[in-house]
Amino acid sequence: IEIDPEWNGRDMESVETQLHIEELMDSIMARINSDPPLPALIYPVKVKYDRSTGKARLVAGECRLTACRRLWDDGEQVYVPAQAIEGSDLQQLLTSLTENSGQPLTQLENGKIYRRLNTGCGMSVEAIASHACRSKKYVTEAIALSNVPSEAKELLSAGVATPAAVLHAVGGKDGDSLALLK
């Protein structure tokens, strides 16, 4: 299964995500070592299968797949159930949004997906909000966060700044406003 690093909205390098993957690894080991053994994953990863190339691209379940791959690297034999899905990029992105329930996406992570739905797939902010069960304001702010400088994203990911503070700082006229957040 191939992973497109630009597909998933989640920050796979964040401390929270890495802890989540470790928790998944523990859960998987507990399940496969139970008596009787249980399936490693409760929910299969979702893949888009390309018949012309014979390759599967991950659509949803990167944390689950990463946990399994790390266990493989540790010598564990873990079966990864995969469900093939069809549909356009729009439908696959919407599937990805609803699949991220093990560790909810942050507003910044959601913003990356919302921006792609809006600019790449032509979906309106109102339609995104409706599908994601979020307010139009939340979606608008999330898209704005996805466009802030990388320094601001790092402050958000580290928990040093709030989304509101970042949006206020980058929206201000003062070029040094991001420095105030540190």
C-alpha atoms as a PDB file:
ATOM      1  CA  ILE A   1       0.000   0.000   0.000  1.00  0.00           C
ATOM      2  CA  GLU A   2       1.497   3.298  -1.084  1.00  0.00           C
ATOM      3  CA  ILE A   3       1.162   6.399   1.083  1.00  0.00           C
ATOM      4  CA  ASP A   4       0.928   9.813  -0.574  1.00  0.00           C
ATOM      5  CA  PRO A   5       2.491  12.152   2.020  1.00  0.00           C
ATOM      6  CA  GLU A   6       0.281  15.012   0.825  1.00  0.00           C
ATOM      7  CA  TRP A   7      -2.982  13.086   1.120  1.00  0.00           C
ATOM      8  CA  ASN A   8      -3.518  12.867   4.865  1.00  0.00           C
ATOM      9  CA  GLY A   9      -4.433  16.062   6.676  1.00  0.00           C
ATOM     10  CA  ARG A  10      -2.931  14.760   9.916  1.00  0.00           C
ATOM     11  CA  ASP A  11       0.513  15.920  11.018  1.00  0.00           C
ATOM     12  CA  MET A  12       2.180  12.504  11.183  1.00  0.00           C
ATOM     13  CA  GLU A  13       5.257  13.942  12.920  1.00  0.00           C
ATOM     14  CA  SER A  14       3.429  15.577  15.841  1.00  0.00           C
ATOM     15  CA  VAL A  15       3.976  14.261  19.350  1.00  0.00           C
ATOM     16  CA  GLU A  16       0.249  13.546  19.700  1.00  0.00           C
ATOM     17  CA  THR A  17       0.162  11.491  16.506  1.00  0.00           C
ATOM     18  CA  GLN A  18       3.293   9.551  17.449  1.00  0.00           C
ATOM     19  CA  LEU A  19       1.760   8.762  20.852  1.00  0.00           C
ATOM     20  CA  HIS A  20      -1.459   7.714  19.104  1.00  0.00           C
ATOM     21  CA  ILE A  21       0.513   5.331  16.852  1.00  0.00           C
ATOM     22  CA  GLU A  22       2.237   3.830  19.904  1.00  0.00           C
ATOM     23  CA  GLU A  23      -1.176   3.349  21.559  1.00  0.00           C
ATOM     24  CA  LEU A  24      -2.409   1.662  18.386  1.00  0.00           C
ATOM     25  CA  MET A  25       0.609  -0.652  18.428  1.00  0.00           C
ATOM     26  CA  ASP A  26      -0.161  -1.628  22.041  1.00  0.00           C
ATOM     27  CA  SER A  27      -3.823  -2.178  21.167  1.00  0.00           C
ATOM     28  CA  ILE A  28      -2.949  -4.301  18.144  1.00  0.00           C
ATOM     29  CA  MET A  29      -0.582  -6.484  20.182  1.00  0.00           C
ATOM     30  CA  ALA A  30      -3.193  -6.899  22.922  1.00  0.00           C
ATOM     31  CA  ARG A  31      -5.763  -7.948  20.343  1.00  0.00           C
ATOM     32  CA  ILE A  32      -3.596 -10.460  18.490  1.00  0.00           C
ATOM     33  CA  ASN A  33      -2.256 -11.917  21.767  1.00  0.00           C
ATOM     34  CA  SER A  34      -5.687 -12.295  23.367  1.00  0.00           C
ATOM     35  CA  ASP A  35      -7.294 -15.702  23.883  1.00  0.00           C
ATOM     36  CA  PRO A  36      -8.816 -16.269  21.427  1.00  0.00           C
ATOM     37  CA  PRO A  37      -6.846 -13.938  19.142  1.00  0.00           C
ATOM     38  CA  LEU A  38      -8.777 -11.022  17.702  1.00  0.00           C
ATOM     39  CA  PRO A  39      -8.195  -9.223  14.409  1.00  0.00           C
ATOM     40  CA  ALA A  40      -5.347  -6.714  14.652  1.00  0.00           C
ATOM     41  CA  LEU A  41      -7.469  -3.833  13.424  1.00  0.00           C
ATOM     42  CA  ILE A  42     -11.084  -3.138  14.225  1.00  0.00           C
ATOM     43  CA  TYR A  43     -11.490  -0.994  11.122  1.00  0.00           C
ATOM     44  CA  PRO A  44      -9.747  -1.818   7.844  1.00  0.00           C
ATOM     45  CA  VAL A  45      -7.600   0.757   6.136  1.00  0.00           C
ATOM     46  CA  LYS A  46      -9.222   2.197   2.998  1.00  0.00           C
ATOM     47  CA  VAL A  47      -7.361   2.046  -0.291  1.00  0.00           C
ATOM     48  CA  LYS A  48      -7.947   3.151  -3.865  1.00  0.00           C
ATOM     49  CA  TYR A  49      -6.847   0.312  -6.132  1.00  0.00           C
ATOM     50  CA  ASP A  50      -5.488   1.275  -9.549  1.00  0.00           C
ATOM     51  CA  ARG A  51      -6.160  -1.644 -11.871  1.00  0.00           C
ATOM     52  CA  SER A  52      -3.835  -0.298 -14.560  1.00  0.00           C
ATOM     53  CA  THR A  53      -0.769  -0.262 -12.275  1.00  0.00           C
ATOM     54  CA  GLY A  54      -1.816  -2.926  -9.771  1.00  0.00           C
ATOM     55  CA  LYS A  55      -1.024  -0.541  -6.916  1.00  0.00           C
ATOM     56  CA  ALA A  56      -3.106   0.424  -3.925  1.00  0.00           C
ATOM     57  CA  ARG A  57      -2.961   4.020  -2.596  1.00  0.00           C
ATOM     58  CA  LEU A  58      -3.945   4.656   0.995  1.00  0.00           C
ATOM     59  CA  VAL A  59      -7.053   6.823   1.370  1.00  0.00           C
ATOM     60  CA  ALA A  60      -7.746   6.431   5.102  1.00  0.00           C
ATOM     61  CA  GLY A  61      -5.932   4.742   7.973  1.00  0.00           C
ATOM     62  CA  GLU A  62      -2.366   6.052   7.865  1.00  0.00           C
ATOM     63  CA  CYS A  63      -1.928   5.818  11.645  1.00  0.00           C
ATOM     64  CA  ARG A  64      -3.263   2.254  11.650  1.00  0.00           C
ATOM     65  CA  LEU A  65      -1.042   1.254   8.733  1.00  0.00           C
ATOM     66  CA  THR A  66       2.003   2.959  10.273  1.00  0.00           C
ATOM     67  CA  ALA A  67       1.419   1.093  13.551  1.00  0.00           C
ATOM     68  CA  CYS A  68       1.224  -2.217  11.680  1.00  0.00           C
ATOM     69  CA  ARG A  69       4.338  -1.452   9.648  1.00  0.00           C
ATOM     70  CA  ARG A  70       6.287  -0.645  12.811  1.00  0.00           C
ATOM     71  CA  LEU A  71       5.159  -3.939  14.306  1.00  0.00           C
ATOM     72  CA  TRP A  72       6.298  -5.719  11.119  1.00  0.00           C
ATOM     73  CA  ASP A  73       9.674  -4.014  11.527  1.00  0.00           C
ATOM     74  CA  ASP A  74       9.739  -5.453  15.075  1.00  0.00           C
ATOM     75  CA  GLY A  75       9.181  -8.943  13.636  1.00  0.00           C
ATOM     76  CA  GLU A  76       5.467  -9.248  14.426  1.00  0.00           C
ATOM     77  CA  GLN A  77       3.175 -10.870  11.892  1.00  0.00           C
ATOM     78  CA  VAL A  78       0.220  -8.559  11.609  1.00  0.00           C
ATOM     79  CA  TYR A  79      -2.529  -8.912   9.020  1.00  0.00           C
ATOM     80  CA  VAL A  80      -3.813  -5.543   7.773  1.00  0.00           C
ATOM     81  CA  PRO A  81      -7.356  -5.679   6.470  1.00  0.00           C
ATOM     82  CA  ALA A  82      -7.867  -3.270   3.591  1.00  0.00           C
ATOM     83  CA  GLN A  83     -11.086  -2.170   1.989  1.00  0.00           C
ATOM     84  CA  ALA A  84     -10.968  -1.042  -1.624  1.00  0.00           C
ATOM     85  CA  ILE A  85     -13.034   2.045  -2.280  1.00  0.00           C
ATOM     86  CA  GLU A  86     -14.027   3.723  -5.491  1.00  0.00           C
ATOM     87  CA  GLY A  87     -14.837   7.299  -6.333  1.00  0.00           C
ATOM     88  CA  SER A  88     -13.355  10.632  -7.211  1.00  0.00           C
ATOM     89  CA  ASP A  89     -10.750  12.524  -5.200  1.00  0.00           C
ATOM     90  CA  LEU A  90     -13.650  14.509  -3.718  1.00  0.00           C
ATOM     91  CA  GLN A  91     -15.367  11.345  -2.482  1.00  0.00           C
ATOM     92  CA  GLN A  92     -12.085   9.941  -1.183  1.00  0.00           C
ATOM     93  CA  LEU A  93     -11.233  13.151   0.690  1.00  0.00           C
ATOM     94  CA  LEU A  94     -14.657  13.125   2.296  1.00  0.00           C
ATOM     95  CA  THR A  95     -14.081   9.494   3.313  1.00  0.00           C
ATOM     96  CA  SER A  96     -10.721  10.496   4.786  1.00  0.00           C
ATOM     97  CA  LEU A  97     -12.391  13.225   6.846  1.00  0.00           C
ATOM     98  CA  THR A  98     -14.897  10.874   8.421  1.00  0.00           C
ATOM     99  CA  GLU A  99     -12.336   8.110   9.000  1.00  0.00           C
ATOM    100  CA  ASN A 100     -10.178  10.184  11.338  1.00  0.00           C
ATOM    101  CA  SER A 101     -12.077   9.342  14.481  1.00  0.00           C
ATOM    102  CA  GLY A 102      -9.440   7.443  16.500  1.00  0.00           C
ATOM    103  CA  GLN A 103      -7.576  10.664  17.119  1.00  0.00           C
ATOM    104  CA  PRO A 104      -9.615  13.655  16.011  1.00  0.00           C
ATOM    105  CA  LEU A 105      -7.890  15.985  13.589  1.00  0.00           C
ATOM    106  CA  THR A 106      -6.895  19.406  14.874  1.00  0.00           C
ATOM    107  CA  GLN A 107      -8.355  22.508  13.264  1.00  0.00           C
ATOM    108  CA  LEU A 108      -5.058  22.994  11.429  1.00  0.00           C
ATOM    109  CA  GLU A 109      -5.095  19.393  10.149  1.00  0.00           C
ATOM    110  CA  ASN A 110      -8.746  19.694   9.112  1.00  0.00           C
ATOM    111  CA  GLY A 111      -7.854  22.921   7.322  1.00  0.00           C
ATOM    112  CA  LYS A 112      -5.444  21.113   5.013  1.00  0.00           C
ATOM    113  CA  ILE A 113      -8.244  18.794   3.880  1.00  0.00           C
ATOM    114  CA  TYR A 114     -10.885  21.553   3.786  1.00  0.00           C
ATOM    115  CA  ARG A 115      -8.596  23.690   1.588  1.00  0.00           C
ATOM    116  CA  ARG A 116      -8.177  20.816  -0.873  1.00  0.00           C
ATOM    117  CA  LEU A 117     -11.923  20.183  -0.914  1.00  0.00           C
ATOM    118  CA  ASN A 118     -12.547  23.887  -1.493  1.00  0.00           C
ATOM    119  CA  THR A 119      -9.844  24.821  -3.984  1.00  0.00           C
ATOM    120  CA  GLY A 120      -9.037  21.449  -5.523  1.00  0.00           C
ATOM    121  CA  CYS A 121     -12.513  19.948  -5.716  1.00  0.00           C
ATOM    122  CA  GLY A 122     -14.617  23.120  -5.923  1.00  0.00           C
ATOM    123  CA  MET A 123     -16.664  22.307  -2.823  1.00  0.00           C
ATOM    124  CA  SER A 124     -18.173  25.343  -1.093  1.00  0.00           C
ATOM    125  CA  VAL A 125     -17.328  26.216   2.503  1.00  0.00           C
ATOM    126  CA  GLU A 126     -21.006  25.700   3.354  1.00  0.00           C
ATOM    127  CA  ALA A 127     -20.993  22.192   1.839  1.00  0.00           C
ATOM    128  CA  ILE A 128     -17.776  21.288   3.666  1.00  0.00           C
ATOM    129  CA  ALA A 129     -19.219  22.565   6.949  1.00  0.00           C
ATOM    130  CA  SER A 130     -22.383  20.564   6.419  1.00  0.00           C
ATOM    131  CA  HIS A 131     -20.516  17.355   5.582  1.00  0.00           C
ATOM    132  CA  ALA A 132     -18.013  17.717   8.433  1.00  0.00           C
ATOM    133  CA  CYS A 133     -20.720  18.714  10.974  1.00  0.00           C
ATOM    134  CA  ARG A 134     -18.822  21.934  11.682  1.00  0.00           C
ATOM    135  CA  SER A 135     -19.766  25.583  11.618  1.00  0.00           C
ATOM    136  CA  LYS A 136     -18.969  27.681   8.568  1.00  0.00           C
ATOM    137  CA  LYS A 137     -16.743  29.828  10.837  1.00  0.00           C
ATOM    138  CA  TYR A 138     -14.747  26.758  11.958  1.00  0.00           C
ATOM    139  CA  VAL A 139     -14.202  25.650   8.349  1.00  0.00           C
ATOM    140  CA  THR A 140     -13.263  29.170   7.211  1.00  0.00           C
ATOM    141  CA  GLU A 141     -10.778  29.534  10.075  1.00  0.00           C
ATOM    142  CA  ALA A 142      -9.362  26.059   9.416  1.00  0.00           C
ATOM    143  CA  ILE A 143      -8.745  26.923   5.762  1.00  0.00           C
ATOM    144  CA  ALA A 144      -7.099  30.180   6.845  1.00  0.00           C
ATOM    145  CA  LEU A 145      -4.862  28.246   9.270  1.00  0.00           C
ATOM    146  CA  SER A 146      -3.792  25.913   6.472  1.00  0.00           C
ATOM    147  CA  ASN A 147      -2.429  28.955   4.653  1.00  0.00           C
ATOM    148  CA  VAL A 148      -0.403  30.501   7.503  1.00  0.00           C
ATOM    149  CA  PRO A 149       3.405  30.457   7.373  1.00  0.00           C
ATOM    150  CA  SER A 150       5.141  27.258   8.472  1.00  0.00           C
ATOM    151  CA  GLU A 151       6.507  29.023  11.570  1.00  0.00           C
ATOM    152  CA  ALA A 152       2.937  29.648  12.729  1.00  0.00           C
ATOM    153  CA  LYS A 153       1.961  26.035  11.992  1.00  0.00           C
ATOM    154  CA  GLU A 154       4.877  24.859  14.120  1.00  0.00           C
ATOM    155  CA  LEU A 155       3.667  27.027  17.021  1.00  0.00           C
ATOM    156  CA  LEU A 156       0.190  25.529  16.671  1.00  0.00           C
ATOM    157  CA  SER A 157       1.467  21.960  16.471  1.00  0.00           C
ATOM    158  CA  ALA A 158       3.659  22.493  19.528  1.00  0.00           C
ATOM    159  CA  GLY A 159       0.685  23.840  21.482  1.00  0.00           C
ATOM    160  CA  VAL A 160       2.462  27.148  22.041  1.00  0.00           C
ATOM    161  CA  ALA A 161      -0.223  29.196  20.298  1.00  0.00           C
ATOM    162  CA  THR A 162      -3.954  28.859  19.796  1.00  0.00           C
ATOM    163  CA  PRO A 163      -5.622  28.975  16.387  1.00  0.00           C
ATOM    164  CA  ALA A 164      -7.247  32.305  17.311  1.00  0.00           C
ATOM    165  CA  ALA A 165      -3.909  33.829  18.326  1.00  0.00           C
ATOM    166  CA  VAL A 166      -2.219  32.667  15.127  1.00  0.00           C
ATOM    167  CA  LEU A 167      -5.014  34.006  12.931  1.00  0.00           C
ATOM    168  CA  HIS A 168      -4.906  37.297  14.786  1.00  0.00           C
ATOM    169  CA  ALA A 169      -1.102  37.513  14.511  1.00  0.00           C
ATOM    170  CA  VAL A 170      -0.875  36.734  10.812  1.00  0.00           C
ATOM    171  CA  GLY A 171      -3.864  38.934  10.043  1.00  0.00           C
ATOM    172  CA  GLY A 172      -2.283  41.925  11.760  1.00  0.00           C
ATOM    173  CA  LYS A 173      -0.237  44.624  10.099  1.00  0.00           C
ATOM    174  CA  ASP A 174       2.778  44.093  12.341  1.00  0.00           C
ATOM    175  CA  GLY A 175       5.385  41.948  10.617  1.00  0.00           C
ATOM    176  CA  ASP A 176       6.776  40.858  13.991  1.00  0.00           C
ATOM    177  CA  SER A 177       3.418  39.651  15.304  1.00  0.00           C
ATOM    178  CA  LEU A 178       4.404  35.960  15.086  1.00  0.00           C
ATOM    179  CA  ALA A 179       7.390  36.634  17.343  1.00  0.00           C
ATOM    180  CA  LEU A 180       4.934  37.735  20.050  1.00  0.00           C
ATOM    181  CA  LEU A 181       3.448  34.238  20.114  1.00  0.00           C
ATOM    182  CA  LYS A 182       6.694  32.509  21.131  1.00  0.00           C
END
